Amino acid sequence: AMFEQAIDISDAISEFRSWVYKIDTKRNFYWYANGGNFDFGLLRDCFCIVDKKRNPYTPWKPGNVCDLRTLKKFFGYKAPDEYFGEDQHDAVVDCKVQILQLRDILKLVAQVN
């Protein structure tokens, strides 16, 4: 049932690229993941498969990949339990929680400065 609505990886990467390039034409955004190696490693591998290249052109610059886990440790941040609800480890919920965590940390940084 979960895979009935799945789309081909080539189509998914194409749609992802189109969406990103509409909002970040110069590849200036900073990209965050809970851990920089896992999420971006998987995405990069998808680009390799679709582009049939060992070093594909990704929508992010390598220097703009950031690690949320490091920020959480550095600032001693622990997300409130209500951010998680009952759907822990659901990809969409995880993404939303990580966005909320990053927002909270950036607010902390703004208060320090």
C-alpha atoms as a PDB file:
ATOM      1  CA  ALA A   1       0.000   0.000   0.000  1.00  0.00           C
ATOM      2  CA  MET A   2       2.821   2.401   0.841  1.00  0.00           C
ATOM      3  CA  PHE A   3       4.433   2.103  -2.593  1.00  0.00           C
ATOM      4  CA  GLU A   4       1.260   2.411  -4.670  1.00  0.00           C
ATOM      5  CA  GLN A   5       1.799   6.162  -5.033  1.00  0.00           C
ATOM      6  CA  ALA A   6       5.568   5.940  -5.539  1.00  0.00           C
ATOM      7  CA  ILE A   7       7.070   7.688  -8.540  1.00  0.00           C
ATOM      8  CA  ASP A   8      10.152   6.810 -10.538  1.00  0.00           C
ATOM      9  CA  ILE A   9      13.440   8.064  -9.049  1.00  0.00           C
ATOM     10  CA  SER A  10      14.247   9.993 -12.251  1.00  0.00           C
ATOM     11  CA  ASP A  11      10.934  11.838 -12.035  1.00  0.00           C
ATOM     12  CA  ALA A  12      11.409  12.531  -8.317  1.00  0.00           C
ATOM     13  CA  ILE A  13      14.907  13.979  -8.838  1.00  0.00           C
ATOM     14  CA  SER A  14      13.718  16.034 -11.808  1.00  0.00           C
ATOM     15  CA  GLU A  15      10.824  17.493  -9.786  1.00  0.00           C
ATOM     16  CA  PHE A  16      13.128  18.151  -6.831  1.00  0.00           C
ATOM     17  CA  ARG A  17      15.655  19.968  -9.035  1.00  0.00           C
ATOM     18  CA  SER A  18      12.931  22.080 -10.652  1.00  0.00           C
ATOM     19  CA  TRP A  19      11.505  23.060  -7.268  1.00  0.00           C
ATOM     20  CA  VAL A  20      14.916  23.957  -5.838  1.00  0.00           C
ATOM     21  CA  TYR A  21      16.046  25.990  -8.847  1.00  0.00           C
ATOM     22  CA  LYS A  22      12.829  28.035  -8.739  1.00  0.00           C
ATOM     23  CA  ILE A  23      13.681  29.270  -5.237  1.00  0.00           C
ATOM     24  CA  ASP A  24      17.503  29.133  -5.225  1.00  0.00           C
ATOM     25  CA  THR A  25      18.784  29.966  -8.695  1.00  0.00           C
ATOM     26  CA  LYS A  26      22.354  30.678  -7.541  1.00  0.00           C
ATOM     27  CA  ARG A  27      22.754  27.737  -5.144  1.00  0.00           C
ATOM     28  CA  ASN A  28      23.211  30.116  -2.188  1.00  0.00           C
ATOM     29  CA  PHE A  29      20.921  28.407   0.311  1.00  0.00           C
ATOM     30  CA  TYR A  30      22.264  26.568   3.313  1.00  0.00           C
ATOM     31  CA  TRP A  31      20.960  23.025   3.505  1.00  0.00           C
ATOM     32  CA  TYR A  32      20.390  21.348   6.847  1.00  0.00           C
ATOM     33  CA  ALA A  33      19.964  17.708   7.749  1.00  0.00           C
ATOM     34  CA  ASN A  34      20.039  16.028  11.124  1.00  0.00           C
ATOM     35  CA  GLY A  35      23.353  14.520  10.098  1.00  0.00           C
ATOM     36  CA  GLY A  36      25.175  15.823   7.059  1.00  0.00           C
ATOM     37  CA  ASN A  37      26.391  12.469   5.782  1.00  0.00           C
ATOM     38  CA  PHE A  38      23.237  10.368   5.758  1.00  0.00           C
ATOM     39  CA  ASP A  39      20.576  12.498   4.054  1.00  0.00           C
ATOM     40  CA  PHE A  40      22.885  14.241   1.626  1.00  0.00           C
ATOM     41  CA  GLY A  41      24.738  11.012   0.898  1.00  0.00           C
ATOM     42  CA  LEU A  42      21.470   9.358  -0.101  1.00  0.00           C
ATOM     43  CA  LEU A  43      20.375  12.337  -2.172  1.00  0.00           C
ATOM     44  CA  ARG A  44      23.749  12.566  -3.892  1.00  0.00           C
ATOM     45  CA  ASP A  45      23.559   8.849  -4.720  1.00  0.00           C
ATOM     46  CA  CYS A  46      20.131   9.452  -6.276  1.00  0.00           C
ATOM     47  CA  PHE A  47      21.608  12.220  -8.429  1.00  0.00           C
ATOM     48  CA  CYS A  48      24.451   9.839  -9.437  1.00  0.00           C
ATOM     49  CA  ILE A  49      21.941   7.190 -10.509  1.00  0.00           C
ATOM     50  CA  VAL A  50      19.728   9.588 -12.435  1.00  0.00           C
ATOM     51  CA  ASP A  51      22.558  11.562 -14.061  1.00  0.00           C
ATOM     52  CA  LYS A  52      24.664   8.433 -14.640  1.00  0.00           C
ATOM     53  CA  LYS A  53      27.661  10.390 -13.348  1.00  0.00           C
ATOM     54  CA  ARG A  54      30.049   9.718 -10.525  1.00  0.00           C
ATOM     55  CA  ASN A  55      30.085  13.416  -9.561  1.00  0.00           C
ATOM     56  CA  PRO A  56      26.620  14.776 -10.371  1.00  0.00           C
ATOM     57  CA  TYR A  57      25.606  18.421 -10.283  1.00  0.00           C
ATOM     58  CA  THR A  58      23.575  18.856  -7.105  1.00  0.00           C
ATOM     59  CA  PRO A  59      21.334  21.803  -6.173  1.00  0.00           C
ATOM     60  CA  TRP A  60      23.537  22.507  -3.151  1.00  0.00           C
ATOM     61  CA  LYS A  61      27.134  23.618  -2.922  1.00  0.00           C
ATOM     62  CA  PRO A  62      29.215  21.215  -0.820  1.00  0.00           C
ATOM     63  CA  GLY A  63      30.147  24.055   1.557  1.00  0.00           C
ATOM     64  CA  ASN A  64      26.480  24.878   2.153  1.00  0.00           C
ATOM     65  CA  VAL A  65      25.573  21.523   3.715  1.00  0.00           C
ATOM     66  CA  CYS A  66      25.023  21.945   7.455  1.00  0.00           C
ATOM     67  CA  ASP A  67      24.540  19.489  10.285  1.00  0.00           C
ATOM     68  CA  LEU A  68      21.624  20.143  12.656  1.00  0.00           C
ATOM     69  CA  ARG A  69      22.842  17.495  15.121  1.00  0.00           C
ATOM     70  CA  THR A  70      26.048  19.480  15.701  1.00  0.00           C
ATOM     71  CA  LEU A  71      24.068  22.674  16.347  1.00  0.00           C
ATOM     72  CA  LYS A  72      21.838  20.852  18.841  1.00  0.00           C
ATOM     73  CA  LYS A  73      24.864  19.558  20.730  1.00  0.00           C
ATOM     74  CA  PHE A  74      26.693  22.883  20.590  1.00  0.00           C
ATOM     75  CA  PHE A  75      23.726  24.783  22.029  1.00  0.00           C
ATOM     76  CA  GLY A  76      22.564  22.013  24.390  1.00  0.00           C
ATOM     77  CA  TYR A  77      19.209  22.009  22.636  1.00  0.00           C
ATOM     78  CA  LYS A  78      16.536  19.387  23.270  1.00  0.00           C
ATOM     79  CA  ALA A  79      13.314  19.631  21.318  1.00  0.00           C
ATOM     80  CA  PRO A  80      10.066  19.764  23.286  1.00  0.00           C
ATOM     81  CA  ASP A  81       8.213  16.431  23.318  1.00  0.00           C
ATOM     82  CA  GLU A  82       5.165  17.988  21.651  1.00  0.00           C
ATOM     83  CA  TYR A  83       7.192  18.443  18.453  1.00  0.00           C
ATOM     84  CA  PHE A  84       7.224  14.683  17.924  1.00  0.00           C
ATOM     85  CA  GLY A  85       3.708  13.437  18.584  1.00  0.00           C
ATOM     86  CA  GLU A  86       3.017   9.799  17.851  1.00  0.00           C
ATOM     87  CA  ASP A  87       4.528   9.673  14.358  1.00  0.00           C
ATOM     88  CA  GLN A  88       8.204   9.518  15.258  1.00  0.00           C
ATOM     89  CA  HIS A  89      10.435   8.339  12.434  1.00  0.00           C
ATOM     90  CA  ASP A  90       7.955   9.252   9.740  1.00  0.00           C
ATOM     91  CA  ALA A  91      10.018  11.075   7.102  1.00  0.00           C
ATOM     92  CA  VAL A  92       7.661  14.044   6.750  1.00  0.00           C
ATOM     93  CA  VAL A  93       7.221  14.411  10.516  1.00  0.00           C
ATOM     94  CA  ASP A  94      10.997  14.148  11.018  1.00  0.00           C
ATOM     95  CA  CYS A  95      11.530  16.893   8.459  1.00  0.00           C
ATOM     96  CA  LYS A  96       9.003  19.187  10.129  1.00  0.00           C
ATOM     97  CA  VAL A  97      10.534  18.532  13.555  1.00  0.00           C
ATOM     98  CA  GLN A  98      13.996  19.340  12.229  1.00  0.00           C
ATOM     99  CA  ILE A  99      12.686  22.619  10.773  1.00  0.00           C
ATOM    100  CA  LEU A 100      11.183  23.531  14.155  1.00  0.00           C
ATOM    101  CA  GLN A 101      14.438  22.627  15.913  1.00  0.00           C
ATOM    102  CA  LEU A 102      16.501  24.746  13.522  1.00  0.00           C
ATOM    103  CA  ARG A 103      14.094  27.655  13.984  1.00  0.00           C
ATOM    104  CA  ASP A 104      14.423  27.389  17.767  1.00  0.00           C
ATOM    105  CA  ILE A 105      18.222  27.285  17.603  1.00  0.00           C
ATOM    106  CA  LEU A 106      18.395  30.262  15.247  1.00  0.00           C
ATOM    107  CA  LYS A 107      16.217  32.198  17.692  1.00  0.00           C
ATOM    108  CA  LEU A 108      18.698  31.312  20.445  1.00  0.00           C
ATOM    109  CA  VAL A 109      21.574  32.536  18.288  1.00  0.00           C
ATOM    110  CA  ALA A 110      19.742  35.795  17.562  1.00  0.00           C
ATOM    111  CA  GLN A 111      19.278  36.386  21.317  1.00  0.00           C
ATOM    112  CA  VAL A 112      22.988  35.859  21.955  1.00  0.00           C
ATOM    113  CA  ASN A 113      23.956  38.374  19.293  1.00  0.00           C
END
